[in-house]
Amino acid sequence: MRSESTKLTDQGAVILGVVGDTRKAMAAYLEQNPLPFPMLIDEDRQVMKRFEVYNRLNWDAYRLAHPSAFLIDPKGQIRYSFVASNQKDWPRTQLLADELARLREAEREIVSEGEAAQE
């Protein structure tokens, strides 16, 4: 997502990464691998658990989150979610961009219908 993040930000999306690591380890990683979006440090895995993506133990992971992505509207409602079944399955940026465009179009239609009803 790092190299393709503009596919989302150009549509007005705000990207926030969540990582279950220590602040020190993440700072070292980011020094070598800068990201164009902020990262939330979730050492105790509380965010992962709230979003129900925490993977305590599986054949391919231990105490990690399933690769996932959520499109959350300005009111805090999850409008789209992708949660992988394993660590090799990642959300494709183009899929997220297409879904974001679909949600924005649906929002515009609702606004247009509301304006037409007021006339």
C-alpha atoms as a PDB file:
ATOM      1  CA  MET A   1       0.000   0.000   0.000  1.00  0.00           C
ATOM      2  CA  ARG A   2       2.950   2.281   0.565  1.00  0.00           C
ATOM      3  CA  SER A   3       3.639   2.895  -3.115  1.00  0.00           C
ATOM      4  CA  GLU A   4      -0.021   3.088  -4.133  1.00  0.00           C
ATOM      5  CA  SER A   5      -1.464   5.081  -1.231  1.00  0.00           C
ATOM      6  CA  THR A   6      -2.266   8.059  -3.482  1.00  0.00           C
ATOM      7  CA  LYS A   7      -4.998   5.928  -5.108  1.00  0.00           C
ATOM      8  CA  LEU A   8      -6.824   6.401  -1.811  1.00  0.00           C
ATOM      9  CA  THR A   9      -5.625   9.789  -0.605  1.00  0.00           C
ATOM     10  CA  ASP A  10      -6.445  11.390  -3.971  1.00  0.00           C
ATOM     11  CA  GLN A  11     -10.068  10.429  -3.245  1.00  0.00           C
ATOM     12  CA  GLY A  12      -9.933  12.125   0.152  1.00  0.00           C
ATOM     13  CA  ALA A  13      -9.167   9.055   2.251  1.00  0.00           C
ATOM     14  CA  VAL A  14      -7.008   9.281   5.348  1.00  0.00           C
ATOM     15  CA  ILE A  15      -4.778   6.252   5.863  1.00  0.00           C
ATOM     16  CA  LEU A  16      -3.772   5.080   9.324  1.00  0.00           C
ATOM     17  CA  GLY A  17      -1.745   1.929   9.831  1.00  0.00           C
ATOM     18  CA  VAL A  18      -1.975  -0.139  12.995  1.00  0.00           C
ATOM     19  CA  VAL A  19       0.923  -2.281  14.143  1.00  0.00           C
ATOM     20  CA  GLY A  20       1.254  -4.586  17.137  1.00  0.00           C
ATOM     21  CA  ASP A  21       4.847  -3.745  17.928  1.00  0.00           C
ATOM     22  CA  THR A  22       6.814  -1.631  20.372  1.00  0.00           C
ATOM     23  CA  ARG A  23       7.390   2.055  19.769  1.00  0.00           C
ATOM     24  CA  LYS A  24      11.142   1.436  19.663  1.00  0.00           C
ATOM     25  CA  ALA A  25      10.883  -1.386  17.118  1.00  0.00           C
ATOM     26  CA  MET A  26       8.490   0.612  14.929  1.00  0.00           C
ATOM     27  CA  ALA A  27      10.725   3.697  15.047  1.00  0.00           C
ATOM     28  CA  ALA A  28      13.660   1.582  13.862  1.00  0.00           C
ATOM     29  CA  TYR A  29      11.544   0.079  11.083  1.00  0.00           C
ATOM     30  CA  LEU A  30      10.252   3.463   9.941  1.00  0.00           C
ATOM     31  CA  GLU A  31      13.764   4.881   9.894  1.00  0.00           C
ATOM     32  CA  GLN A  32      14.674   2.293   7.264  1.00  0.00           C
ATOM     33  CA  ASN A  33      11.227   2.082   5.603  1.00  0.00           C
ATOM     34  CA  PRO A  34       9.429   5.438   5.737  1.00  0.00           C
ATOM     35  CA  LEU A  35       5.680   5.371   5.181  1.00  0.00           C
ATOM     36  CA  PRO A  36       3.507   8.133   3.686  1.00  0.00           C
ATOM     37  CA  PHE A  37       0.909   7.686   6.438  1.00  0.00           C
ATOM     38  CA  PRO A  38       0.965   7.563  10.258  1.00  0.00           C
ATOM     39  CA  MET A  39       1.151   4.337  12.247  1.00  0.00           C
ATOM     40  CA  LEU A  40      -0.696   3.605  15.489  1.00  0.00           C
ATOM     41  CA  ILE A  41       1.328   1.501  17.924  1.00  0.00           C
ATOM     42  CA  ASP A  42      -0.945  -1.195  19.384  1.00  0.00           C
ATOM     43  CA  GLU A  43       1.429  -3.036  21.738  1.00  0.00           C
ATOM     44  CA  ASP A  44      -1.352  -4.537  23.840  1.00  0.00           C
ATOM     45  CA  ARG A  45      -3.395  -5.523  20.721  1.00  0.00           C
ATOM     46  CA  GLN A  46      -6.517  -3.716  21.984  1.00  0.00           C
ATOM     47  CA  VAL A  47      -7.289  -2.082  18.619  1.00  0.00           C
ATOM     48  CA  MET A  48      -6.799  -5.390  16.820  1.00  0.00           C
ATOM     49  CA  LYS A  49      -9.175  -7.062  19.259  1.00  0.00           C
ATOM     50  CA  ARG A  50     -11.808  -4.301  18.951  1.00  0.00           C
ATOM     51  CA  PHE A  51     -11.783  -4.675  15.162  1.00  0.00           C
ATOM     52  CA  GLU A  52     -11.858  -8.477  15.568  1.00  0.00           C
ATOM     53  CA  VAL A  53      -8.728  -9.091  13.483  1.00  0.00           C
ATOM     54  CA  TYR A  54      -6.452 -10.330  16.274  1.00  0.00           C
ATOM     55  CA  ASN A  55      -4.948 -13.717  15.535  1.00  0.00           C
ATOM     56  CA  ARG A  56      -3.647 -15.174  18.779  1.00  0.00           C
ATOM     57  CA  LEU A  57      -2.341 -18.385  17.266  1.00  0.00           C
ATOM     58  CA  ASN A  58      -2.581 -19.885  13.810  1.00  0.00           C
ATOM     59  CA  TRP A  59      -0.372 -21.942  11.517  1.00  0.00           C
ATOM     60  CA  ASP A  60       1.069 -18.756   9.976  1.00  0.00           C
ATOM     61  CA  ALA A  61       0.882 -16.225  12.795  1.00  0.00           C
ATOM     62  CA  TYR A  62       1.360 -15.704  16.503  1.00  0.00           C
ATOM     63  CA  ARG A  63      -0.129 -12.625  18.193  1.00  0.00           C
ATOM     64  CA  LEU A  64      -0.588 -10.746  14.923  1.00  0.00           C
ATOM     65  CA  ALA A  65      -3.556  -9.198  13.215  1.00  0.00           C
ATOM     66  CA  HIS A  66      -5.000 -10.723  10.108  1.00  0.00           C
ATOM     67  CA  PRO A  67      -4.053  -8.399   7.235  1.00  0.00           C
ATOM     68  CA  SER A  68      -7.058  -6.121   7.003  1.00  0.00           C
ATOM     69  CA  ALA A  69      -8.380  -2.790   5.819  1.00  0.00           C
ATOM     70  CA  PHE A  70     -11.443  -0.782   6.798  1.00  0.00           C
ATOM     71  CA  LEU A  71     -13.134   2.157   5.104  1.00  0.00           C
ATOM     72  CA  ILE A  72     -14.651   4.235   7.894  1.00  0.00           C
ATOM     73  CA  ASP A  73     -16.875   7.210   7.153  1.00  0.00           C
ATOM     74  CA  PRO A  74     -16.580  10.596   8.909  1.00  0.00           C
ATOM     75  CA  LYS A  75     -19.238   9.489  11.420  1.00  0.00           C
ATOM     76  CA  GLY A  76     -17.114   6.505  12.467  1.00  0.00           C
ATOM     77  CA  GLN A  77     -19.224   3.859  10.696  1.00  0.00           C
ATOM     78  CA  ILE A  78     -17.392   1.000   9.016  1.00  0.00           C
ATOM     79  CA  ARG A  79     -18.586   1.087   5.408  1.00  0.00           C
ATOM     80  CA  TYR A  80     -16.314  -1.619   4.005  1.00  0.00           C
ATOM     81  CA  SER A  81     -13.982  -4.182   5.517  1.00  0.00           C
ATOM     82  CA  PHE A  82     -11.427  -6.617   4.203  1.00  0.00           C
ATOM     83  CA  VAL A  83     -10.082  -9.227   6.619  1.00  0.00           C
ATOM     84  CA  ALA A  84      -7.699 -11.835   5.236  1.00  0.00           C
ATOM     85  CA  SER A  85      -7.812 -15.465   6.192  1.00  0.00           C
ATOM     86  CA  ASN A  86      -4.015 -15.772   6.299  1.00  0.00           C
ATOM     87  CA  GLN A  87      -0.838 -13.672   6.433  1.00  0.00           C
ATOM     88  CA  LYS A  88      -0.180 -13.940   2.693  1.00  0.00           C
ATOM     89  CA  ASP A  89      -3.515 -12.433   1.680  1.00  0.00           C
ATOM     90  CA  TRP A  90      -3.341  -8.632   1.705  1.00  0.00           C
ATOM     91  CA  PRO A  91      -5.952  -6.041   0.771  1.00  0.00           C
ATOM     92  CA  ARG A  92      -5.224  -4.799  -2.751  1.00  0.00           C
ATOM     93  CA  THR A  93      -5.040  -1.021  -2.983  1.00  0.00           C
ATOM     94  CA  GLN A  94      -6.994  -0.950  -6.242  1.00  0.00           C
ATOM     95  CA  LEU A  95      -9.817  -2.931  -4.642  1.00  0.00           C
ATOM     96  CA  LEU A  96      -9.966  -0.393  -1.805  1.00  0.00           C
ATOM     97  CA  ALA A  97      -9.838   2.531  -4.259  1.00  0.00           C
ATOM     98  CA  ASP A  98     -12.690   1.045  -6.297  1.00  0.00           C
ATOM     99  CA  GLU A  99     -14.763   0.446  -3.173  1.00  0.00           C
ATOM    100  CA  LEU A 100     -14.076   3.985  -1.940  1.00  0.00           C
ATOM    101  CA  ALA A 101     -15.203   5.395  -5.301  1.00  0.00           C
ATOM    102  CA  ARG A 102     -18.380   3.271  -5.127  1.00  0.00           C
ATOM    103  CA  LEU A 103     -19.140   4.529  -1.610  1.00  0.00           C
ATOM    104  CA  ARG A 104     -18.561   8.149  -2.639  1.00  0.00           C
ATOM    105  CA  GLU A 105     -20.874   7.749  -5.640  1.00  0.00           C
ATOM    106  CA  ALA A 106     -23.595   6.230  -3.437  1.00  0.00           C
ATOM    107  CA  GLU A 107     -23.191   9.153  -1.029  1.00  0.00           C
ATOM    108  CA  ARG A 108     -23.576  11.665  -3.893  1.00  0.00           C
ATOM    109  CA  GLU A 109     -26.755   9.900  -5.048  1.00  0.00           C
ATOM    110  CA  ILE A 110     -28.242  10.114  -1.558  1.00  0.00           C
ATOM    111  CA  VAL A 111     -27.451  13.828  -1.364  1.00  0.00           C
ATOM    112  CA  SER A 112     -28.984  14.403  -4.833  1.00  0.00           C
ATOM    113  CA  GLU A 113     -32.142  12.500  -3.869  1.00  0.00           C
ATOM    114  CA  GLY A 114     -32.437  14.564  -0.692  1.00  0.00           C
ATOM    115  CA  GLU A 115     -32.074  17.815  -2.618  1.00  0.00           C
ATOM    116  CA  ALA A 116     -34.685  16.700  -5.176  1.00  0.00           C
ATOM    117  CA  ALA A 117     -37.128  15.806  -2.376  1.00  0.00           C
ATOM    118  CA  GLN A 118     -36.768  19.294  -0.886  1.00  0.00           C
ATOM    119  CA  GLU A 119     -37.714  20.999  -4.151  1.00  0.00           C
END
